[in-house]
Amino acid sequence: MSCDATQLYALGADEEETARLRRQSEELRPEAEALLARIGLRPGQSAVDLGCGPSGILGLLAAAVSPSGTVVGVDANAAHVAAARQATASLRNVSVLAGDARHTGLPDDAFDLVHARTLLVTIPSPAEVITEMIRIARPGGWIACQEPDAGHAVCYPPLPEWDRLTEVFRVGFTRSGADLLLGRRLPAMLWQAGLDDVEVTVHSGCYPAGHSRRTVIPDLVRSLRPVILDLGLADDRELTRIDRAVREHLADPRVLMMPHLLVTAVARRPRDR
């Protein structure tokens, strides 16, 4: 029997995680805008944002397809669904549904664009989501994913507390089978799913002191804190100490920080499928 989607999600669902996801929508806005410019979504078309969280790219999608197009957001977390509905209340062409990205219940062949961002990296069954994305896309429609790859995180000069923080992060995040290296696998997964015209772009954000994306790893560790404590990876005192040390280190503008690569992959559903 399939597990509940909220149990599979590698991160938490508390207010701090919701706030982080809202920040992420603004932090990654340039990459999302570049993606939509590449696809050329037009007024009157339809789009769905799977795993939209409290905001996702719903606003950008609505602007692209307005005035006569439609946008649907899907998220498994009830609090995120409520927050996304509130955030898009003024957008008449947007609806937000509670649902599992693996089994959305949406109709076949329904959308010109099916989008997911930082969703596949958080679950142990990303291929199931891709299969669902293909099912609900129109023949010839777009499948688009933006997923991180944390295999090339850079923090320099080095800091022992950073090394310890990333150690507990990796173990806590991957406890249920999620893959922090998903980004590099993404293009191959789309090809293997039978999609056409797969194109890839890799963004390597290097964030200055004061930028909210600069602390994304310690922010994620805060979201994972209950999991880390439950697994016995660290105690509360150690997590507090290393969190403080890492944030003080990253506040220094002389420190180079690249938390991950962001892999953007777009492809088309075959017209004869």
C-alpha atoms as a PDB file:
ATOM      1  CA  MET A   1       0.000   0.000   0.000  1.00  0.00           C
ATOM      2  CA  SER A   2       1.280   3.478  -0.897  1.00  0.00           C
ATOM      3  CA  CYS A   3       2.516   5.627   1.999  1.00  0.00           C
ATOM      4  CA  ASP A   4       0.876   8.946   2.805  1.00  0.00           C
ATOM      5  CA  ALA A   5       2.639  11.723   0.891  1.00  0.00           C
ATOM      6  CA  THR A   6       3.199  13.861   3.983  1.00  0.00           C
ATOM      7  CA  GLN A   7       5.102  10.977   5.582  1.00  0.00           C
ATOM      8  CA  LEU A   8       7.412  10.710   2.577  1.00  0.00           C
ATOM      9  CA  TYR A   9       8.359  14.388   2.469  1.00  0.00           C
ATOM     10  CA  ALA A  10      11.893  14.628   3.817  1.00  0.00           C
ATOM     11  CA  LEU A  11      11.425  17.976   5.555  1.00  0.00           C
ATOM     12  CA  GLY A  12       9.087  19.128   8.278  1.00  0.00           C
ATOM     13  CA  ALA A  13       5.742  20.865   8.006  1.00  0.00           C
ATOM     14  CA  ASP A  14       5.903  23.382  10.844  1.00  0.00           C
ATOM     15  CA  GLU A  15       5.637  27.169  10.602  1.00  0.00           C
ATOM     16  CA  GLU A  16       9.401  27.561  10.162  1.00  0.00           C
ATOM     17  CA  GLU A  17       9.409  25.239   7.140  1.00  0.00           C
ATOM     18  CA  THR A  18       6.399  27.047   5.667  1.00  0.00           C
ATOM     19  CA  ALA A  19       8.227  30.375   6.049  1.00  0.00           C
ATOM     20  CA  ARG A  20      11.328  28.899   4.412  1.00  0.00           C
ATOM     21  CA  LEU A  21       9.288  27.744   1.426  1.00  0.00           C
ATOM     22  CA  ARG A  22       7.775  31.220   1.055  1.00  0.00           C
ATOM     23  CA  ARG A  23      11.286  32.704   1.018  1.00  0.00           C
ATOM     24  CA  GLN A  24      12.347  30.107  -1.515  1.00  0.00           C
ATOM     25  CA  SER A  25       9.681  31.291  -3.959  1.00  0.00           C
ATOM     26  CA  GLU A  26      11.347  34.714  -4.025  1.00  0.00           C
ATOM     27  CA  GLU A  27      14.907  33.387  -3.836  1.00  0.00           C
ATOM     28  CA  LEU A  28      14.460  31.178  -6.892  1.00  0.00           C
ATOM     29  CA  ARG A  29      12.236  33.578  -8.822  1.00  0.00           C
ATOM     30  CA  PRO A  30      14.939  34.437 -11.422  1.00  0.00           C
ATOM     31  CA  GLU A  31      15.449  30.756 -12.241  1.00  0.00           C
ATOM     32  CA  ALA A  32      11.678  30.236 -12.484  1.00  0.00           C
ATOM     33  CA  GLU A  33      11.310  33.232 -14.784  1.00  0.00           C
ATOM     34  CA  ALA A  34      14.086  31.897 -17.014  1.00  0.00           C
ATOM     35  CA  LEU A  35      12.335  28.526 -17.151  1.00  0.00           C
ATOM     36  CA  LEU A  36       9.001  30.030 -18.179  1.00  0.00           C
ATOM     37  CA  ALA A  37      10.704  32.230 -20.778  1.00  0.00           C
ATOM     38  CA  ARG A  38      12.277  29.096 -22.265  1.00  0.00           C
ATOM     39  CA  ILE A  39       8.938  27.299 -22.450  1.00  0.00           C
ATOM     40  CA  GLY A  40       6.983  30.287 -23.738  1.00  0.00           C
ATOM     41  CA  LEU A  41       3.772  29.609 -21.846  1.00  0.00           C
ATOM     42  CA  ARG A  42       1.028  31.713 -23.456  1.00  0.00           C
ATOM     43  CA  PRO A  43      -2.275  33.343 -22.464  1.00  0.00           C
ATOM     44  CA  GLY A  44      -5.106  30.827 -22.583  1.00  0.00           C
ATOM     45  CA  GLN A  45      -2.945  27.822 -21.789  1.00  0.00           C
ATOM     46  CA  SER A  46      -3.071  25.665 -18.644  1.00  0.00           C
ATOM     47  CA  ALA A  47      -0.415  24.795 -16.073  1.00  0.00           C
ATOM     48  CA  VAL A  48      -0.096  22.833 -12.851  1.00  0.00           C
ATOM     49  CA  ASP A  49       2.495  23.255 -10.085  1.00  0.00           C
ATOM     50  CA  LEU A  50       2.972  19.983  -8.199  1.00  0.00           C
ATOM     51  CA  GLY A  51       4.215  20.277  -4.630  1.00  0.00           C
ATOM     52  CA  CYS A  52       3.521  24.007  -4.751  1.00  0.00           C
ATOM     53  CA  GLY A  53       3.847  24.495  -0.995  1.00  0.00           C
ATOM     54  CA  PRO A  54       2.522  27.809   0.321  1.00  0.00           C
ATOM     55  CA  SER A  55       3.292  29.692  -2.912  1.00  0.00           C
ATOM     56  CA  GLY A  56       5.496  27.847  -5.423  1.00  0.00           C
ATOM     57  CA  ILE A  57       5.427  29.584  -8.826  1.00  0.00           C
ATOM     58  CA  LEU A  58       1.652  29.976  -8.902  1.00  0.00           C
ATOM     59  CA  GLY A  59       1.797  33.745  -9.339  1.00  0.00           C
ATOM     60  CA  LEU A  60       4.243  33.524 -12.244  1.00  0.00           C
ATOM     61  CA  LEU A  61       2.144  30.850 -13.942  1.00  0.00           C
ATOM     62  CA  ALA A  62      -1.037  32.894 -13.498  1.00  0.00           C
ATOM     63  CA  ALA A  63       0.594  35.949 -15.069  1.00  0.00           C
ATOM     64  CA  ALA A  64       1.796  33.882 -18.027  1.00  0.00           C
ATOM     65  CA  VAL A  65      -1.572  32.322 -18.909  1.00  0.00           C
ATOM     66  CA  SER A  66      -3.886  35.228 -18.026  1.00  0.00           C
ATOM     67  CA  PRO A  67      -6.508  36.323 -18.716  1.00  0.00           C
ATOM     68  CA  SER A  68      -8.159  33.178 -20.072  1.00  0.00           C
ATOM     69  CA  GLY A  69      -5.789  30.400 -18.966  1.00  0.00           C
ATOM     70  CA  THR A  70      -5.923  28.265 -15.836  1.00  0.00           C
ATOM     71  CA  VAL A  71      -3.441  27.306 -13.125  1.00  0.00           C
ATOM     72  CA  VAL A  72      -3.708  24.515 -10.560  1.00  0.00           C
ATOM     73  CA  GLY A  73      -1.507  24.056  -7.505  1.00  0.00           C
ATOM     74  CA  VAL A  74      -1.264  20.692  -5.752  1.00  0.00           C
ATOM     75  CA  ASP A  75       0.255  19.990  -2.345  1.00  0.00           C
ATOM     76  CA  ALA A  76      -0.120  17.171   0.166  1.00  0.00           C
ATOM     77  CA  ASN A  77       0.185  19.362   3.253  1.00  0.00           C
ATOM     78  CA  ALA A  78      -3.085  20.886   4.419  1.00  0.00           C
ATOM     79  CA  ALA A  79      -1.389  23.924   5.961  1.00  0.00           C
ATOM     80  CA  HIS A  80       0.461  24.650   2.730  1.00  0.00           C
ATOM     81  CA  VAL A  81      -2.733  24.283   0.718  1.00  0.00           C
ATOM     82  CA  ALA A  82      -4.476  26.791   2.971  1.00  0.00           C
ATOM     83  CA  ALA A  83      -1.541  29.206   2.746  1.00  0.00           C
ATOM     84  CA  ALA A  84      -1.379  28.908  -1.062  1.00  0.00           C
ATOM     85  CA  ARG A  85      -5.113  29.517  -1.356  1.00  0.00           C
ATOM     86  CA  GLN A  86      -4.771  32.635   0.750  1.00  0.00           C
ATOM     87  CA  ALA A  87      -1.768  33.840  -1.273  1.00  0.00           C
ATOM     88  CA  THR A  88      -3.636  33.410  -4.577  1.00  0.00           C
ATOM     89  CA  ALA A  89      -7.086  34.519  -3.416  1.00  0.00           C
ATOM     90  CA  SER A  90      -7.009  37.543  -5.729  1.00  0.00           C
ATOM     91  CA  LEU A  91      -6.092  35.417  -8.780  1.00  0.00           C
ATOM     92  CA  ARG A  92      -9.300  34.167 -10.333  1.00  0.00           C
ATOM     93  CA  ASN A  93      -7.594  31.705 -12.647  1.00  0.00           C
ATOM     94  CA  VAL A  94      -5.745  29.809  -9.859  1.00  0.00           C
ATOM     95  CA  SER A  95      -7.075  26.905  -7.779  1.00  0.00           C
ATOM     96  CA  VAL A  96      -5.129  24.977  -5.156  1.00  0.00           C
ATOM     97  CA  LEU A  97      -5.928  21.354  -4.368  1.00  0.00           C
ATOM     98  CA  ALA A  98      -4.883  18.974  -1.619  1.00  0.00           C
ATOM     99  CA  GLY A  99      -3.335  15.922  -3.228  1.00  0.00           C
ATOM    100  CA  ASP A 100      -0.463  13.502  -3.644  1.00  0.00           C
ATOM    101  CA  ALA A 101       1.874  14.400  -6.522  1.00  0.00           C
ATOM    102  CA  ARG A 102       2.146  10.684  -7.314  1.00  0.00           C
ATOM    103  CA  HIS A 103      -1.623  10.294  -7.707  1.00  0.00           C
ATOM    104  CA  THR A 104      -3.170  13.723  -8.199  1.00  0.00           C
ATOM    105  CA  GLY A 105      -6.610  12.658  -9.389  1.00  0.00           C
ATOM    106  CA  LEU A 106      -6.354  15.279 -12.140  1.00  0.00           C
ATOM    107  CA  PRO A 107      -7.617  14.314 -15.614  1.00  0.00           C
ATOM    108  CA  ASP A 108      -5.458  12.806 -18.344  1.00  0.00           C
ATOM    109  CA  ASP A 109      -3.964  15.062 -21.023  1.00  0.00           C
ATOM    110  CA  ALA A 110      -5.032  18.228 -19.188  1.00  0.00           C
ATOM    111  CA  PHE A 111      -2.102  20.670 -19.011  1.00  0.00           C
ATOM    112  CA  ASP A 112       0.212  22.499 -21.386  1.00  0.00           C
ATOM    113  CA  LEU A 113       2.828  22.647 -18.614  1.00  0.00           C
ATOM    114  CA  VAL A 114       3.333  20.324 -15.646  1.00  0.00           C
ATOM    115  CA  HIS A 115       5.892  21.789 -13.237  1.00  0.00           C
ATOM    116  CA  ALA A 116       7.637  20.628 -10.068  1.00  0.00           C
ATOM    117  CA  ARG A 117      10.393  22.384  -8.120  1.00  0.00           C
ATOM    118  CA  THR A 118      12.427  20.963  -5.228  1.00  0.00           C
ATOM    119  CA  LEU A 119       9.846  18.183  -4.957  1.00  0.00           C
ATOM    120  CA  LEU A 120      11.534  15.144  -6.474  1.00  0.00           C
ATOM    121  CA  VAL A 121      14.609  15.655  -4.284  1.00  0.00           C
ATOM    122  CA  THR A 122      12.516  15.320  -1.114  1.00  0.00           C
ATOM    123  CA  ILE A 123      10.860  11.938  -1.737  1.00  0.00           C
ATOM    124  CA  PRO A 124      12.061   8.339  -2.214  1.00  0.00           C
ATOM    125  CA  SER A 125       9.883   7.714  -5.292  1.00  0.00           C
ATOM    126  CA  PRO A 126      10.575  10.511  -7.800  1.00  0.00           C
ATOM    127  CA  ALA A 127       9.902   8.285 -10.825  1.00  0.00           C
ATOM    128  CA  GLU A 128       6.291   7.886  -9.674  1.00  0.00           C
ATOM    129  CA  VAL A 129       5.844  11.653  -9.770  1.00  0.00           C
ATOM    130  CA  ILE A 130       7.362  11.877 -13.254  1.00  0.00           C
ATOM    131  CA  THR A 131       4.951   9.187 -14.459  1.00  0.00           C
ATOM    132  CA  GLU A 132       2.057  11.228 -13.079  1.00  0.00           C
ATOM    133  CA  MET A 133       3.427  14.406 -14.657  1.00  0.00           C
ATOM    134  CA  ILE A 134       3.421  12.700 -18.044  1.00  0.00           C
ATOM    135  CA  ARG A 135      -0.110  11.374 -17.590  1.00  0.00           C
ATOM    136  CA  ILE A 136      -1.644  14.773 -16.894  1.00  0.00           C
ATOM    137  CA  ALA A 137       0.347  16.655 -19.568  1.00  0.00           C
ATOM    138  CA  ARG A 138      -1.189  17.155 -22.981  1.00  0.00           C
ATOM    139  CA  PRO A 139       0.455  15.273 -25.862  1.00  0.00           C
ATOM    140  CA  GLY A 140       3.211  17.649 -26.942  1.00  0.00           C
ATOM    141  CA  GLY A 141       2.990  19.490 -23.617  1.00  0.00           C
ATOM    142  CA  TRP A 142       5.869  20.460 -21.364  1.00  0.00           C
ATOM    143  CA  ILE A 143       7.275  18.678 -18.323  1.00  0.00           C
ATOM    144  CA  ALA A 144       9.567  20.961 -16.302  1.00  0.00           C
ATOM    145  CA  CYS A 145      11.530  20.274 -13.111  1.00  0.00           C
ATOM    146  CA  GLN A 146      13.989  22.281 -11.056  1.00  0.00           C
ATOM    147  CA  GLU A 147      15.878  20.164  -8.535  1.00  0.00           C
ATOM    148  CA  PRO A 148      18.974  20.742  -6.406  1.00  0.00           C
ATOM    149  CA  ASP A 149      22.152  18.715  -6.309  1.00  0.00           C
ATOM    150  CA  ALA A 150      24.017  19.160  -3.023  1.00  0.00           C
ATOM    151  CA  GLY A 151      27.075  17.196  -4.112  1.00  0.00           C
ATOM    152  CA  HIS A 152      29.002  20.380  -4.858  1.00  0.00           C
ATOM    153  CA  ALA A 153      28.229  22.547  -1.836  1.00  0.00           C
ATOM    154  CA  VAL A 154      31.070  24.983  -1.127  1.00  0.00           C
ATOM    155  CA  CYS A 155      31.835  26.794   2.111  1.00  0.00           C
ATOM    156  CA  TYR A 156      35.279  28.430   2.149  1.00  0.00           C
ATOM    157  CA  PRO A 157      37.233  29.056   4.297  1.00  0.00           C
ATOM    158  CA  PRO A 158      36.302  25.745   5.918  1.00  0.00           C
ATOM    159  CA  LEU A 159      34.660  25.463   9.312  1.00  0.00           C
ATOM    160  CA  PRO A 160      34.433  22.295  11.434  1.00  0.00           C
ATOM    161  CA  GLU A 161      30.900  23.181  12.530  1.00  0.00           C
ATOM    162  CA  TRP A 162      29.853  23.462   8.871  1.00  0.00           C
ATOM    163  CA  ASP A 163      31.187  19.962   8.237  1.00  0.00           C
ATOM    164  CA  ARG A 164      29.247  18.639  11.231  1.00  0.00           C
ATOM    165  CA  LEU A 165      26.092  20.495  10.210  1.00  0.00           C
ATOM    166  CA  THR A 166      26.152  19.054   6.695  1.00  0.00           C
ATOM    167  CA  GLU A 167      26.817  15.581   8.091  1.00  0.00           C
ATOM    168  CA  VAL A 168      23.679  15.550  10.226  1.00  0.00           C
ATOM    169  CA  PHE A 169      21.730  17.226   7.415  1.00  0.00           C
ATOM    170  CA  ARG A 170      22.590  14.517   4.904  1.00  0.00           C
ATOM    171  CA  VAL A 171      21.719  11.675   7.243  1.00  0.00           C
ATOM    172  CA  GLY A 172      18.498  13.285   8.446  1.00  0.00           C
ATOM    173  CA  PHE A 173      17.351  14.319   4.989  1.00  0.00           C
ATOM    174  CA  THR A 174      17.984  10.955   3.357  1.00  0.00           C
ATOM    175  CA  ARG A 175      16.539   8.850   6.177  1.00  0.00           C
ATOM    176  CA  SER A 176      13.457   7.859   4.128  1.00  0.00           C
ATOM    177  CA  GLY A 177      15.241   7.414   0.804  1.00  0.00           C
ATOM    178  CA  ALA A 178      15.337  10.996  -0.484  1.00  0.00           C
ATOM    179  CA  ASP A 179      18.366  11.762  -2.660  1.00  0.00           C
ATOM    180  CA  LEU A 180      20.382  14.972  -2.236  1.00  0.00           C
ATOM    181  CA  LEU A 181      22.085  14.205  -5.577  1.00  0.00           C
ATOM    182  CA  LEU A 182      18.793  14.002  -7.449  1.00  0.00           C
ATOM    183  CA  GLY A 183      19.618  17.002  -9.621  1.00  0.00           C
ATOM    184  CA  ARG A 184      22.318  15.195 -11.606  1.00  0.00           C
ATOM    185  CA  ARG A 185      19.985  12.265 -12.215  1.00  0.00           C
ATOM    186  CA  LEU A 186      17.087  14.385 -13.421  1.00  0.00           C
ATOM    187  CA  PRO A 187      17.849  14.547 -17.185  1.00  0.00           C
ATOM    188  CA  ALA A 188      18.407  10.781 -17.383  1.00  0.00           C
ATOM    189  CA  MET A 189      15.139  10.171 -15.534  1.00  0.00           C
ATOM    190  CA  LEU A 190      13.232  12.244 -18.093  1.00  0.00           C
ATOM    191  CA  TRP A 191      14.851  10.432 -21.018  1.00  0.00           C
ATOM    192  CA  GLN A 192      14.153   7.066 -19.396  1.00  0.00           C
ATOM    193  CA  ALA A 193      10.506   8.050 -18.948  1.00  0.00           C
ATOM    194  CA  GLY A 194      10.229   8.342 -22.732  1.00  0.00           C
ATOM    195  CA  LEU A 195      10.078  12.126 -23.014  1.00  0.00           C
ATOM    196  CA  ASP A 196      11.298  14.060 -26.036  1.00  0.00           C
ATOM    197  CA  ASP A 197      13.537  17.108 -26.438  1.00  0.00           C
ATOM    198  CA  VAL A 198      15.104  17.029 -22.985  1.00  0.00           C
ATOM    199  CA  GLU A 199      17.093  20.217 -22.327  1.00  0.00           C
ATOM    200  CA  VAL A 200      19.160  20.986 -19.239  1.00  0.00           C
ATOM    201  CA  THR A 201      20.488  24.121 -17.566  1.00  0.00           C
ATOM    202  CA  VAL A 202      22.527  24.150 -14.351  1.00  0.00           C
ATOM    203  CA  HIS A 203      22.514  27.188 -12.055  1.00  0.00           C
ATOM    204  CA  SER A 204      25.291  27.609  -9.488  1.00  0.00           C
ATOM    205  CA  GLY A 205      24.109  30.273  -7.061  1.00  0.00           C
ATOM    206  CA  CYS A 206      26.897  31.829  -4.987  1.00  0.00           C
ATOM    207  CA  TYR A 207      25.127  34.017  -2.459  1.00  0.00           C
ATOM    208  CA  PRO A 208      26.595  37.077  -0.695  1.00  0.00           C
ATOM    209  CA  ALA A 209      26.384  37.804   3.015  1.00  0.00           C
ATOM    210  CA  GLY A 210      22.865  38.847   3.941  1.00  0.00           C
ATOM    211  CA  HIS A 211      21.161  36.897   1.151  1.00  0.00           C
ATOM    212  CA  SER A 212      18.528  34.540   2.568  1.00  0.00           C
ATOM    213  CA  ARG A 213      19.634  31.694   0.277  1.00  0.00           C
ATOM    214  CA  ARG A 214      23.098  31.810   1.856  1.00  0.00           C
ATOM    215  CA  THR A 215      21.765  30.049   4.956  1.00  0.00           C
ATOM    216  CA  VAL A 216      19.541  27.505   3.214  1.00  0.00           C
ATOM    217  CA  ILE A 217      21.450  24.511   4.659  1.00  0.00           C
ATOM    218  CA  PRO A 218      21.255  25.644   8.310  1.00  0.00           C
ATOM    219  CA  ASP A 219      17.624  26.644   7.635  1.00  0.00           C
ATOM    220  CA  LEU A 220      16.898  23.116   6.386  1.00  0.00           C
ATOM    221  CA  VAL A 221      18.587  21.661   9.448  1.00  0.00           C
ATOM    222  CA  ARG A 222      16.225  23.719  11.596  1.00  0.00           C
ATOM    223  CA  SER A 223      13.301  22.187   9.695  1.00  0.00           C
ATOM    224  CA  LEU A 224      14.812  18.743  10.263  1.00  0.00           C
ATOM    225  CA  ARG A 225      15.618  19.345  13.945  1.00  0.00           C
ATOM    226  CA  PRO A 226      12.903  17.005  15.310  1.00  0.00           C
ATOM    227  CA  VAL A 227      14.073  14.231  12.962  1.00  0.00           C
ATOM    228  CA  ILE A 228      17.736  14.754  13.860  1.00  0.00           C
ATOM    229  CA  LEU A 229      16.955  14.616  17.568  1.00  0.00           C
ATOM    230  CA  ASP A 230      14.719  11.566  17.149  1.00  0.00           C
ATOM    231  CA  LEU A 231      17.447   9.707  15.248  1.00  0.00           C
ATOM    232  CA  GLY A 232      20.032  10.608  17.869  1.00  0.00           C
ATOM    233  CA  LEU A 233      22.316  12.248  15.303  1.00  0.00           C
ATOM    234  CA  ALA A 234      22.958  15.178  17.647  1.00  0.00           C
ATOM    235  CA  ASP A 235      21.506  16.574  20.836  1.00  0.00           C
ATOM    236  CA  ASP A 236      19.763  19.902  21.257  1.00  0.00           C
ATOM    237  CA  ARG A 237      22.800  21.624  22.747  1.00  0.00           C
ATOM    238  CA  GLU A 238      25.083  20.587  19.869  1.00  0.00           C
ATOM    239  CA  LEU A 239      22.558  21.641  17.212  1.00  0.00           C
ATOM    240  CA  THR A 240      22.207  25.042  18.835  1.00  0.00           C
ATOM    241  CA  ARG A 241      25.995  25.460  19.026  1.00  0.00           C
ATOM    242  CA  ILE A 242      26.774  24.492  15.449  1.00  0.00           C
ATOM    243  CA  ASP A 243      23.831  26.487  14.108  1.00  0.00           C
ATOM    244  CA  ARG A 244      25.167  29.618  15.806  1.00  0.00           C
ATOM    245  CA  ALA A 245      28.728  29.009  14.641  1.00  0.00           C
ATOM    246  CA  VAL A 246      27.719  28.393  11.022  1.00  0.00           C
ATOM    247  CA  ARG A 247      25.494  31.475  10.861  1.00  0.00           C
ATOM    248  CA  GLU A 248      28.245  33.655  12.328  1.00  0.00           C
ATOM    249  CA  HIS A 249      30.670  32.231   9.735  1.00  0.00           C
ATOM    250  CA  LEU A 250      28.282  32.870   6.847  1.00  0.00           C
ATOM    251  CA  ALA A 251      27.689  36.443   8.042  1.00  0.00           C
ATOM    252  CA  ASP A 252      31.305  37.183   7.083  1.00  0.00           C
ATOM    253  CA  PRO A 253      31.296  38.576   3.497  1.00  0.00           C
ATOM    254  CA  ARG A 254      34.735  37.042   2.909  1.00  0.00           C
ATOM    255  CA  VAL A 255      33.266  33.519   3.123  1.00  0.00           C
ATOM    256  CA  LEU A 256      32.351  31.895  -0.191  1.00  0.00           C
ATOM    257  CA  MET A 257      29.011  30.062  -0.046  1.00  0.00           C
ATOM    258  CA  MET A 258      27.400  27.916  -2.745  1.00  0.00           C
ATOM    259  CA  PRO A 259      24.858  25.619  -1.053  1.00  0.00           C
ATOM    260  CA  HIS A 260      24.012  23.491  -4.090  1.00  0.00           C
ATOM    261  CA  LEU A 261      23.577  23.361  -7.845  1.00  0.00           C
ATOM    262  CA  LEU A 262      20.078  23.819  -9.247  1.00  0.00           C
ATOM    263  CA  VAL A 263      19.357  21.633 -12.260  1.00  0.00           C
ATOM    264  CA  THR A 264      16.578  22.761 -14.585  1.00  0.00           C
ATOM    265  CA  ALA A 265      15.305  20.153 -17.041  1.00  0.00           C
ATOM    266  CA  VAL A 266      12.495  20.647 -19.546  1.00  0.00           C
ATOM    267  CA  ALA A 267      11.070  18.058 -21.917  1.00  0.00           C
ATOM    268  CA  ARG A 268       7.991  17.351 -24.020  1.00  0.00           C
ATOM    269  CA  ARG A 269       5.498  14.553 -23.780  1.00  0.00           C
ATOM    270  CA  PRO A 270       5.480  12.696 -27.109  1.00  0.00           C
ATOM    271  CA  ARG A 271       2.450  13.600 -29.217  1.00  0.00           C
ATOM    272  CA  ASP A 272       1.648   9.972 -30.004  1.00  0.00           C
ATOM    273  CA  ARG A 273       1.699   8.765 -26.386  1.00  0.00           C
END
